[in-house]
Amino acid sequence: MSSTHANLTIDRAKGAKLRIGVLCISMDPTSRANLESLVVMTPGAHVVDNVDRRIVPREVMLMLEPFQYRICVIDFDEGVEECCRIAERLRDNCDNTVSLFAASSDFSPDTILAAMRAGCVEYLTKPFDSERVSSALTRIEARRHVKDENATPGKVVTIIGAKGGTGVTALATHLALSLAQRHKQKCLLVDQHPALGDVSLYLGLTRRQYSFYELVHNTDRLDNELLDGFILQHDSGVHVLDSPEVIDSFPHAAPEAIEHTLAFLAENYQFIIIDCPPGVTDDSAAAIRQSSHLAVVITPELPAVRNALRWVEYLISLHYPESCIDIVLNRHIKNSPLRDEEIEAALRRPIAVKIPNAYEDVARAINTGVPLGQGRNTSLLSAFDRWADRLVGENAAEQSQPQDSRGWFGLFG
């Protein structure tokens, strides 16, 4: 660590006037001078010191204590693995008022993702650029403001089909509409299909040039301004991140980048509803890890129920909380050959949401690009409202325990 803490001679009585404190860690003298010349261009911002990598979190907190916004800039040119360990130590032992930046002349995706996984929220490339430094400092203030106003992150709800054709996209779309319209929630609908998803088509929206996956591939510069350029806005108030319109438009996305992007989105929305493509992929697994709730969609047929059981077993094997897994029965009809109690016994859990069968109404809505509105199939809309009630926490119905049926257990192993 530096032999002196010269900048700590700042009169602490003036602390209220000190907005941004920047502490460099193991930064070469040229880069430190470059950064300091740019930081001071932001009013109220100061570079406190340049310390070595052995600094402990308690000393970091002491040195940045006078400042309202506190930043550590770690020089990743000193070795990525070692700097990741430093970032993780500071992330885990400093309070959440300290933001970590990575600085490096290496701007490869692997290094950027490693830094973000370790807890860095910004990545500055050398030589430092005045606009990038200024924007990064501004974003720290914006993020802290959002967290201060609403410390609880939004809920990420991933909707998965037990098999193809269960109606996941239609359900995700109408759930998002209910959350936005009836509950007045700030809601984002993410089409996670790697190509040719249908969310924008269902909502009658013109496709945007940019997609969710392009946003994921820009994690190094992810901020609210960038996000605004990707968002489609529906008249209902629902925001949409579309899927790519062409096949193989982007290389494989790193799961860590998907997780980081969803975590960022949760800071900006009360609900993120993910229309997840069928099957288990690295992309869907990343969405699952970041989700606060999961909905497994089935229809009243044997293959769907069998697959749903496998899905539940898989999720539990990932240590995903069972209480956060909902079974959603789509195209529900009374007197179905496959009765509700038999489905519940087979899955060993209750059906959380029942969406009545209204295939013709839903098909008409899809083909016209006009979602089901008030006054059209009230029972169907009420089902989506009850689902939204569960997620928002209003009027959650008590769930009954399913009855045993060993014959059905035997069918699914």
Foldseek 3Di string as FASTA:
>chain_A
DDPDQVLVVPPLVCLVLQAEEEEEEPDDPVQVVLLQVLQVVPPNYGHRYYYYLPDALVVQCVSCVSYQAAEYEYECVVDQVSSLVSLLRNVVPHDPSYAYEYEYQDPDPVSLLSNVVSGHQAYAYPPGDNVRSVVVVVQSVVLVVLCVVPVDFAFEEEEAELDPPLCLLLLLLLLQLLCCQVVVWQEEEAEPPQEDDCNCLLQVHDDAQAAPVVQLVPSNPDDPVVVVNQWDAGPSNYIYGHHHHDPPPDPDGQLSSLLSVVRVVRSVTNYYYYSDDHDDDSNVVSSQVNGPAYEYEAELDDSRLLSVLVVLVVCVVVVNDPVRYAYEYEQDDPPDPRDQLLSCQLSQHHHQAYAHRDPVQSVVSSVVSHRDDPPGPVSRSVRSNLVSCVVVVHPRDDDDGRDHDVVSNVVND
